[in-house]
């Protein structure tokens, strides 16, 4: 094979991998509004000691070996402490594949932002961006 063709192929693969990485990086941690969600989640079904917020609930799905989950837990707890009607619930799905399958969890952490009725309003895959979470909470709390 021609060395020039090999170099061009390798350069193309590097460019493709870089583009894929940039797309992934731009989308991870971003809140995606779930506009037509009919999914209502009772957090007490997922965790016995969980209590939903009266205004909104930050429902975090984590695993035991997830480093970003610890940072996410700290962030979401902090936001919930700042905003009175908001609660944070962390569900470890390491030994609960039924939950991962039920909610189509493909990465950890995954965060759902629920309104006061338990309806999923936003979904965040990966470590959430603080500004995105706050904006979604503001939107949900203003609507209630």
N, C-alpha and C. Protein backbone atom coordinates (compact mmCIF):
# COMPACT_ATOMS: atom_id res chain seq x y z
N UNK A 1 0.84 -1.18 0.00
CA UNK A 1 0.00 0.00 0.00
C UNK A 1 0.88 1.24 0.00
N UNK A 2 0.44 2.23 -0.64
CA UNK A 2 1.14 3.49 -0.79
C UNK A 2 1.28 4.19 0.57
N UNK A 3 2.48 4.66 0.93
CA UNK A 3 2.65 5.36 2.21
C UNK A 3 1.78 6.62 2.33
N UNK A 4 1.55 7.28 1.21
CA UNK A 4 0.71 8.47 1.24
C UNK A 4 -0.74 8.10 1.56
N UNK A 5 -1.22 6.99 1.02
CA UNK A 5 -2.59 6.53 1.30
C UNK A 5 -2.72 6.13 2.77
N UNK A 6 -1.68 5.49 3.31
CA UNK A 6 -1.69 5.10 4.73
C UNK A 6 -1.74 6.34 5.60
N UNK A 7 -0.92 7.33 5.31
CA UNK A 7 -0.90 8.57 6.09
C UNK A 7 -2.25 9.29 6.00
N UNK A 8 -2.84 9.31 4.81
CA UNK A 8 -4.14 9.96 4.64
C UNK A 8 -5.22 9.22 5.43
N UNK A 9 -5.17 7.89 5.42
CA UNK A 9 -6.14 7.09 6.18
C UNK A 9 -6.00 7.35 7.67
N UNK A 10 -4.77 7.38 8.17
CA UNK A 10 -4.55 7.63 9.59
C UNK A 10 -5.01 9.04 9.97
N UNK A 11 -4.72 10.01 9.12
CA UNK A 11 -5.15 11.38 9.38
C UNK A 11 -6.67 11.48 9.39
N UNK A 12 -7.32 10.76 8.49
CA UNK A 12 -8.78 10.73 8.46
C UNK A 12 -9.37 10.12 9.71
N UNK A 13 -8.76 9.03 10.18
CA UNK A 13 -9.24 8.39 11.42
C UNK A 13 -9.06 9.30 12.63
N UNK A 14 -7.94 10.00 12.70
CA UNK A 14 -7.71 10.93 13.80
C UNK A 14 -8.74 12.06 13.76
N UNK A 15 -9.00 12.58 12.57
CA UNK A 15 -9.99 13.65 12.43
C UNK A 15 -11.38 13.17 12.83
N UNK A 16 -11.74 11.96 12.41
CA UNK A 16 -13.04 11.39 12.76
C UNK A 16 -13.17 11.17 14.26
N UNK A 17 -12.12 10.63 14.88
CA UNK A 17 -12.15 10.41 16.33
C UNK A 17 -12.22 11.74 17.08
N UNK A 18 -11.52 12.74 16.61
CA UNK A 18 -11.55 14.06 17.25
C UNK A 18 -12.95 14.66 17.15
N UNK A 19 -13.56 14.58 15.98
CA UNK A 19 -14.90 15.11 15.80
C UNK A 19 -15.90 14.39 16.70
N UNK A 20 -15.80 13.07 16.78
CA UNK A 20 -16.70 12.29 17.65
C UNK A 20 -16.51 12.69 19.11
N UNK A 21 -15.27 12.88 19.53
CA UNK A 21 -14.99 13.29 20.91
C UNK A 21 -15.54 14.67 21.23
N UNK A 22 -15.44 15.58 20.28
CA UNK A 22 -15.96 16.93 20.49
C UNK A 22 -17.48 16.93 20.58
N UNK A 23 -18.13 16.12 19.76
CA UNK A 23 -19.59 16.01 19.82
C UNK A 23 -20.01 15.42 21.16
N UNK A 24 -19.33 14.36 21.58
CA UNK A 24 -19.65 13.74 22.87
C UNK A 24 -19.45 14.72 24.02
N UNK A 25 -18.34 15.44 23.98
CA UNK A 25 -18.03 16.40 25.05
C UNK A 25 -19.06 17.53 25.11
N UNK A 26 -19.51 17.97 23.96
CA UNK A 26 -20.49 19.06 23.91
C UNK A 26 -21.86 18.62 24.44
N UNK A 27 -22.17 17.34 24.31
CA UNK A 27 -23.50 16.88 24.71
C UNK A 27 -23.55 16.32 26.13
N UNK A 28 -22.46 15.85 26.67
CA UNK A 28 -22.49 15.27 28.01
C UNK A 28 -22.63 16.36 29.06
N UNK A 29 -23.44 16.08 30.06
CA UNK A 29 -23.67 17.03 31.13
C UNK A 29 -24.71 18.09 30.83
N UNK A 30 -25.28 18.05 29.65
CA UNK A 30 -26.29 19.04 29.24
C UNK A 30 -27.68 18.50 29.57
N UNK A 31 -28.53 19.39 30.02
CA UNK A 31 -29.91 19.01 30.33
C UNK A 31 -30.72 18.96 29.04
N UNK A 32 -31.39 17.86 28.85
CA UNK A 32 -32.31 17.72 27.71
C UNK A 32 -33.72 17.72 28.28
N UNK A 33 -34.48 18.70 27.86
CA UNK A 33 -35.86 18.79 28.34
C UNK A 33 -36.66 17.61 27.79
N UNK A 34 -37.47 17.05 28.64
CA UNK A 34 -38.36 15.95 28.26
C UNK A 34 -39.75 16.56 28.22
N UNK A 35 -40.15 17.05 27.06
CA UNK A 35 -41.37 17.83 26.95
C UNK A 35 -42.64 16.98 27.02
N UNK A 36 -42.64 15.84 26.39
CA UNK A 36 -43.87 15.04 26.34
C UNK A 36 -43.78 13.81 27.23
N UNK A 37 -43.17 13.98 28.38
CA UNK A 37 -42.98 12.84 29.26
C UNK A 37 -44.26 12.49 30.01
N UNK A 38 -44.63 11.24 29.93
CA UNK A 38 -45.74 10.77 30.75
C UNK A 38 -45.21 9.85 31.84
N UNK A 39 -43.88 9.85 31.99
CA UNK A 39 -43.24 9.03 33.00
C UNK A 39 -43.31 9.74 34.35
N UNK A 40 -44.02 9.11 35.28
CA UNK A 40 -44.10 9.61 36.65
C UNK A 40 -43.32 8.64 37.52
N UNK A 41 -42.40 9.19 38.30
CA UNK A 41 -41.54 8.37 39.14
C UNK A 41 -41.85 8.64 40.60
N UNK A 42 -42.13 7.59 41.33
CA UNK A 42 -42.27 7.69 42.77
C UNK A 42 -40.92 7.28 43.36
N UNK A 43 -40.19 8.26 43.91
CA UNK A 43 -38.84 7.98 44.38
C UNK A 43 -38.83 6.99 45.54
N UNK A 44 -39.93 6.89 46.27
CA UNK A 44 -39.98 5.93 47.38
C UNK A 44 -39.98 4.49 46.87
N UNK A 45 -40.37 4.27 45.61
CA UNK A 45 -40.30 2.93 45.01
C UNK A 45 -38.86 2.54 44.68
N UNK A 46 -38.02 3.54 44.43
CA UNK A 46 -36.64 3.28 44.03
C UNK A 46 -35.71 3.13 45.23
N UNK A 47 -36.02 3.86 46.28
CA UNK A 47 -35.21 3.83 47.49
C UNK A 47 -36.14 4.00 48.68
N UNK A 48 -36.06 3.10 49.63
CA UNK A 48 -37.02 3.08 50.74
C UNK A 48 -37.02 4.36 51.56
N UNK A 49 -35.85 4.98 51.74
CA UNK A 49 -35.78 6.17 52.59
C UNK A 49 -35.85 7.48 51.81
N UNK A 50 -36.15 7.41 50.52
CA UNK A 50 -36.17 8.60 49.67
C UNK A 50 -37.47 9.38 49.83
N UNK A 51 -37.33 10.70 49.83
CA UNK A 51 -38.48 11.60 49.92
C UNK A 51 -38.37 12.60 48.78
N UNK A 52 -39.44 12.75 48.02
CA UNK A 52 -39.45 13.68 46.90
C UNK A 52 -39.58 15.11 47.41
N UNK A 53 -39.09 16.05 46.61
CA UNK A 53 -39.20 17.46 46.95
C UNK A 53 -40.59 17.98 46.66
N UNK A 54 -41.01 19.00 47.38
CA UNK A 54 -42.34 19.57 47.16
C UNK A 54 -42.37 20.45 45.92
N UNK A 55 -41.20 20.87 45.43
CA UNK A 55 -41.13 21.68 44.21
C UNK A 55 -40.48 20.95 43.07
N UNK A 56 -39.40 20.24 43.36
CA UNK A 56 -38.67 19.46 42.35
C UNK A 56 -37.79 18.44 43.06
N UNK A 57 -37.40 17.42 42.32
CA UNK A 57 -36.52 16.38 42.85
C UNK A 57 -35.39 16.15 41.87
N UNK A 58 -34.16 16.14 42.39
CA UNK A 58 -32.99 15.81 41.60
C UNK A 58 -32.71 14.33 41.84
N UNK A 59 -33.08 13.50 40.87
CA UNK A 59 -32.94 12.05 41.00
C UNK A 59 -31.68 11.61 40.28
N UNK A 60 -30.68 11.19 41.05
CA UNK A 60 -29.39 10.80 40.51
C UNK A 60 -29.26 9.29 40.52
N UNK A 61 -28.87 8.73 39.38
CA UNK A 61 -28.58 7.30 39.29
C UNK A 61 -27.07 7.15 39.21
N UNK A 62 -26.50 6.38 40.16
CA UNK A 62 -25.06 6.23 40.28
C UNK A 62 -24.68 4.75 40.28
N UNK A 63 -23.38 4.52 40.24
CA UNK A 63 -22.84 3.18 40.43
C UNK A 63 -21.69 3.26 41.43
N UNK A 64 -21.29 2.12 41.96
CA UNK A 64 -20.25 2.08 42.98
C UNK A 64 -18.90 2.58 42.48
N UNK A 65 -18.57 2.30 41.24
CA UNK A 65 -17.23 2.60 40.73
C UNK A 65 -17.19 3.85 39.86
N UNK A 66 -18.11 4.75 40.06
CA UNK A 66 -18.22 5.95 39.24
C UNK A 66 -17.61 7.15 39.97
N UNK A 67 -16.46 7.63 39.47
CA UNK A 67 -15.82 8.80 40.09
C UNK A 67 -16.64 10.08 39.90
N UNK A 68 -17.18 10.37 38.71
CA UNK A 68 -17.98 11.60 38.57
C UNK A 68 -19.25 11.59 39.41
N UNK A 69 -19.70 10.42 39.84
CA UNK A 69 -20.92 10.34 40.65
C UNK A 69 -20.74 11.06 41.99
N UNK A 70 -19.56 10.98 42.56
CA UNK A 70 -19.31 11.63 43.85
C UNK A 70 -19.38 13.15 43.71
N UNK A 71 -18.78 13.67 42.65
CA UNK A 71 -18.84 15.11 42.39
C UNK A 71 -20.28 15.54 42.12
N UNK A 72 -20.98 14.74 41.35
CA UNK A 72 -22.38 15.04 41.04
C UNK A 72 -23.21 15.04 42.31
N UNK A 73 -23.00 14.08 43.17
CA UNK A 73 -23.74 14.00 44.44
C UNK A 73 -23.52 15.27 45.27
N UNK A 74 -22.28 15.73 45.34
CA UNK A 74 -21.97 16.94 46.10
C UNK A 74 -22.67 18.16 45.49
N UNK A 75 -22.62 18.28 44.18
CA UNK A 75 -23.26 19.40 43.49
C UNK A 75 -24.76 19.40 43.71
N UNK A 76 -25.40 18.25 43.49
CA UNK A 76 -26.85 18.19 43.60
C UNK A 76 -27.33 18.38 45.03
N UNK A 77 -26.60 17.85 45.99
CA UNK A 77 -26.96 18.08 47.40
C UNK A 77 -26.87 19.56 47.75
N UNK A 78 -25.83 20.21 47.24
CA UNK A 78 -25.65 21.64 47.49
C UNK A 78 -26.80 22.45 46.91
N UNK A 79 -27.19 22.15 45.68
CA UNK A 79 -28.30 22.86 45.05
C UNK A 79 -29.61 22.61 45.80
N UNK A 80 -29.82 21.38 46.22
CA UNK A 80 -31.04 21.06 46.96
C UNK A 80 -31.07 21.77 48.31
N UNK A 81 -29.92 21.93 48.94
CA UNK A 81 -29.87 22.63 50.22
C UNK A 81 -30.16 24.12 50.05
N UNK A 82 -29.76 24.69 48.91
CA UNK A 82 -30.01 26.11 48.64
C UNK A 82 -31.48 26.40 48.37
N UNK A 83 -32.13 25.49 47.69
CA UNK A 83 -33.52 25.71 47.26
C UNK A 83 -34.44 24.83 48.10
N UNK A 84 -35.23 25.45 48.95
CA UNK A 84 -36.04 24.74 49.93
C UNK A 84 -36.97 23.67 49.35
N UNK A 85 -37.71 23.93 48.27
CA UNK A 85 -38.63 22.89 47.81
C UNK A 85 -37.98 21.79 46.97
N UNK A 86 -36.65 21.77 46.92
CA UNK A 86 -35.95 20.80 46.08
C UNK A 86 -35.26 19.76 46.97
N UNK A 87 -35.36 18.50 46.56
CA UNK A 87 -34.68 17.40 47.28
C UNK A 87 -33.77 16.66 46.32
N UNK A 88 -32.73 16.07 46.87
CA UNK A 88 -31.81 15.25 46.09
C UNK A 88 -31.96 13.80 46.54
N UNK A 89 -32.12 12.91 45.57
CA UNK A 89 -32.21 11.48 45.85
C UNK A 89 -31.18 10.77 44.99
N UNK A 90 -30.32 9.97 45.62
CA UNK A 90 -29.29 9.23 44.89
C UNK A 90 -29.62 7.75 44.96
N UNK A 91 -29.75 7.12 43.80
CA UNK A 91 -30.07 5.70 43.72
C UNK A 91 -28.88 4.97 43.10
N UNK A 92 -28.32 4.03 43.84
CA UNK A 92 -27.21 3.22 43.33
C UNK A 92 -27.79 2.06 42.53
N UNK A 93 -27.49 2.03 41.24
CA UNK A 93 -28.05 0.99 40.37
C UNK A 93 -27.06 -0.14 40.08
N UNK A 94 -25.97 -0.18 40.85
CA UNK A 94 -24.96 -1.22 40.64
C UNK A 94 -25.57 -2.62 40.71
N UNK A 95 -26.40 -2.86 41.70
CA UNK A 95 -27.01 -4.17 41.89
C UNK A 95 -28.50 -4.16 41.54
N UNK A 96 -28.92 -3.15 40.76
CA UNK A 96 -30.32 -3.03 40.37
C UNK A 96 -30.44 -2.84 38.85
N UNK A 97 -30.10 -3.87 38.08
CA UNK A 97 -30.21 -3.73 36.62
C UNK A 97 -31.64 -3.49 36.15
N UNK A 98 -32.62 -3.85 36.96
CA UNK A 98 -34.01 -3.60 36.60
C UNK A 98 -34.28 -2.10 36.47
N UNK A 99 -33.68 -1.31 37.36
CA UNK A 99 -33.86 0.14 37.29
C UNK A 99 -33.13 0.70 36.07
N UNK A 100 -31.92 0.23 35.83
CA UNK A 100 -31.16 0.70 34.67
C UNK A 100 -31.90 0.39 33.37
N UNK A 101 -32.50 -0.77 33.29
CA UNK A 101 -33.27 -1.13 32.09
C UNK A 101 -34.56 -0.32 31.99
N UNK A 102 -35.23 -0.15 33.10
CA UNK A 102 -36.51 0.57 33.11
C UNK A 102 -36.36 2.00 32.59
N UNK A 103 -35.28 2.68 32.97
CA UNK A 103 -35.09 4.08 32.60
C UNK A 103 -34.05 4.27 31.50
N UNK A 104 -33.61 3.17 30.89
CA UNK A 104 -32.66 3.23 29.77
C UNK A 104 -31.40 4.02 30.16
N UNK A 105 -30.80 3.64 31.27
CA UNK A 105 -29.60 4.31 31.76
C UNK A 105 -28.38 3.73 31.05
N UNK A 106 -27.70 4.56 30.28
CA UNK A 106 -26.57 4.11 29.49
C UNK A 106 -25.24 4.60 30.05
N UNK A 107 -25.26 5.53 30.99
CA UNK A 107 -24.04 6.02 31.60
C UNK A 107 -24.33 6.47 33.02
N UNK A 108 -23.26 6.54 33.81
CA UNK A 108 -23.45 7.05 35.16
C UNK A 108 -22.46 8.19 35.36
N UNK A 109 -22.88 9.21 36.03
CA UNK A 109 -24.22 9.40 36.56
C UNK A 109 -25.21 9.82 35.47
N UNK A 110 -26.45 9.52 35.72
CA UNK A 110 -27.56 10.07 34.94
C UNK A 110 -28.48 10.72 35.95
N UNK A 111 -28.93 11.92 35.63
CA UNK A 111 -29.78 12.68 36.54
C UNK A 111 -31.09 13.01 35.86
N UNK A 112 -32.19 12.75 36.55
CA UNK A 112 -33.51 13.18 36.11
C UNK A 112 -33.93 14.32 37.02
N UNK A 113 -34.51 15.34 36.44
CA UNK A 113 -35.09 16.42 37.23
C UNK A 113 -36.60 16.25 37.14
N UNK A 114 -37.21 15.99 38.29
CA UNK A 114 -38.64 15.73 38.38
C UNK A 114 -39.36 16.96 38.91
N UNK A 115 -40.57 17.17 38.44
CA UNK A 115 -41.37 18.26 39.00
C UNK A 115 -42.05 17.77 40.28
N UNK A 116 -42.91 18.60 40.84
CA UNK A 116 -43.54 18.28 42.13
C UNK A 116 -44.41 17.02 42.06
N UNK A 117 -44.93 16.70 40.87
CA UNK A 117 -45.78 15.51 40.71
C UNK A 117 -44.97 14.25 40.41
N UNK A 118 -43.64 14.40 40.23
CA UNK A 118 -42.80 13.26 39.92
C UNK A 118 -42.65 13.00 38.44
N UNK A 119 -43.08 13.95 37.61
CA UNK A 119 -42.96 13.81 36.15
C UNK A 119 -41.54 14.21 35.75
N UNK A 120 -40.92 13.39 34.90
CA UNK A 120 -39.57 13.68 34.42
C UNK A 120 -39.63 14.87 33.47
N UNK A 121 -38.94 15.95 33.82
CA UNK A 121 -38.92 17.16 33.00
C UNK A 121 -37.60 17.33 32.26
N UNK A 122 -36.50 16.82 32.83
CA UNK A 122 -35.19 16.92 32.19
C UNK A 122 -34.37 15.68 32.51
N UNK A 123 -33.45 15.40 31.60
CA UNK A 123 -32.56 14.27 31.75
C UNK A 123 -31.15 14.74 31.42
N UNK A 124 -30.19 14.39 32.28
CA UNK A 124 -28.81 14.79 32.08
C UNK A 124 -27.94 13.53 32.12
N UNK A 125 -27.24 13.28 31.05
CA UNK A 125 -26.31 12.15 30.99
C UNK A 125 -24.91 12.63 31.29
N UNK A 126 -24.24 11.99 32.24
CA UNK A 126 -22.89 12.41 32.62
C UNK A 126 -22.94 13.39 33.77
N UNK A 127 -21.78 13.92 34.11
CA UNK A 127 -21.69 14.90 35.19
C UNK A 127 -22.38 16.18 34.76
N UNK A 128 -23.39 16.61 35.51
CA UNK A 128 -24.15 17.79 35.10
C UNK A 128 -23.36 19.08 35.26
N UNK A 129 -23.72 20.04 34.44
CA UNK A 129 -23.14 21.38 34.54
C UNK A 129 -24.02 22.19 35.48
N UNK A 130 -23.41 22.81 36.50
CA UNK A 130 -24.21 23.51 37.52
C UNK A 130 -25.20 24.52 36.95
N UNK A 131 -24.77 25.30 35.98
CA UNK A 131 -25.66 26.30 35.39
C UNK A 131 -26.86 25.69 34.72
N UNK A 132 -26.65 24.53 34.08
CA UNK A 132 -27.75 23.83 33.41
C UNK A 132 -28.77 23.32 34.43
N UNK A 133 -28.28 22.76 35.52
CA UNK A 133 -29.19 22.23 36.55
C UNK A 133 -29.99 23.37 37.16
N UNK A 134 -29.31 24.47 37.50
CA UNK A 134 -29.99 25.61 38.11
C UNK A 134 -31.04 26.19 37.16
N UNK A 135 -30.71 26.30 35.87
CA UNK A 135 -31.67 26.84 34.89
C UNK A 135 -32.90 25.94 34.78
N UNK A 136 -32.69 24.64 34.79
CA UNK A 136 -33.82 23.70 34.71
C UNK A 136 -34.67 23.78 35.98
N UNK A 137 -34.02 23.87 37.12
CA UNK A 137 -34.78 24.00 38.38
C UNK A 137 -35.58 25.30 38.40
N UNK A 138 -34.97 26.38 37.95
CA UNK A 138 -35.68 27.66 37.90
C UNK A 138 -36.91 27.55 37.00
N UNK A 139 -36.74 26.89 35.85
CA UNK A 139 -37.86 26.72 34.90
C UNK A 139 -38.98 25.89 35.53
N UNK A 140 -38.62 24.80 36.19
CA UNK A 140 -39.62 23.92 36.80
C UNK A 140 -40.31 24.60 37.98
N UNK A 141 -39.53 25.27 38.82
CA UNK A 141 -40.12 25.91 40.00
C UNK A 141 -41.00 27.09 39.61
N UNK A 142 -40.64 27.79 38.54
CA UNK A 142 -41.46 28.92 38.08
C UNK A 142 -42.79 28.44 37.51
N UNK A 143 -42.79 27.24 36.93
CA UNK A 143 -44.02 26.70 36.32
C UNK A 143 -45.01 26.18 37.37
N UNK A 144 -44.50 25.88 38.56
CA UNK A 144 -45.39 25.29 39.58
C UNK A 144 -46.05 26.33 40.45
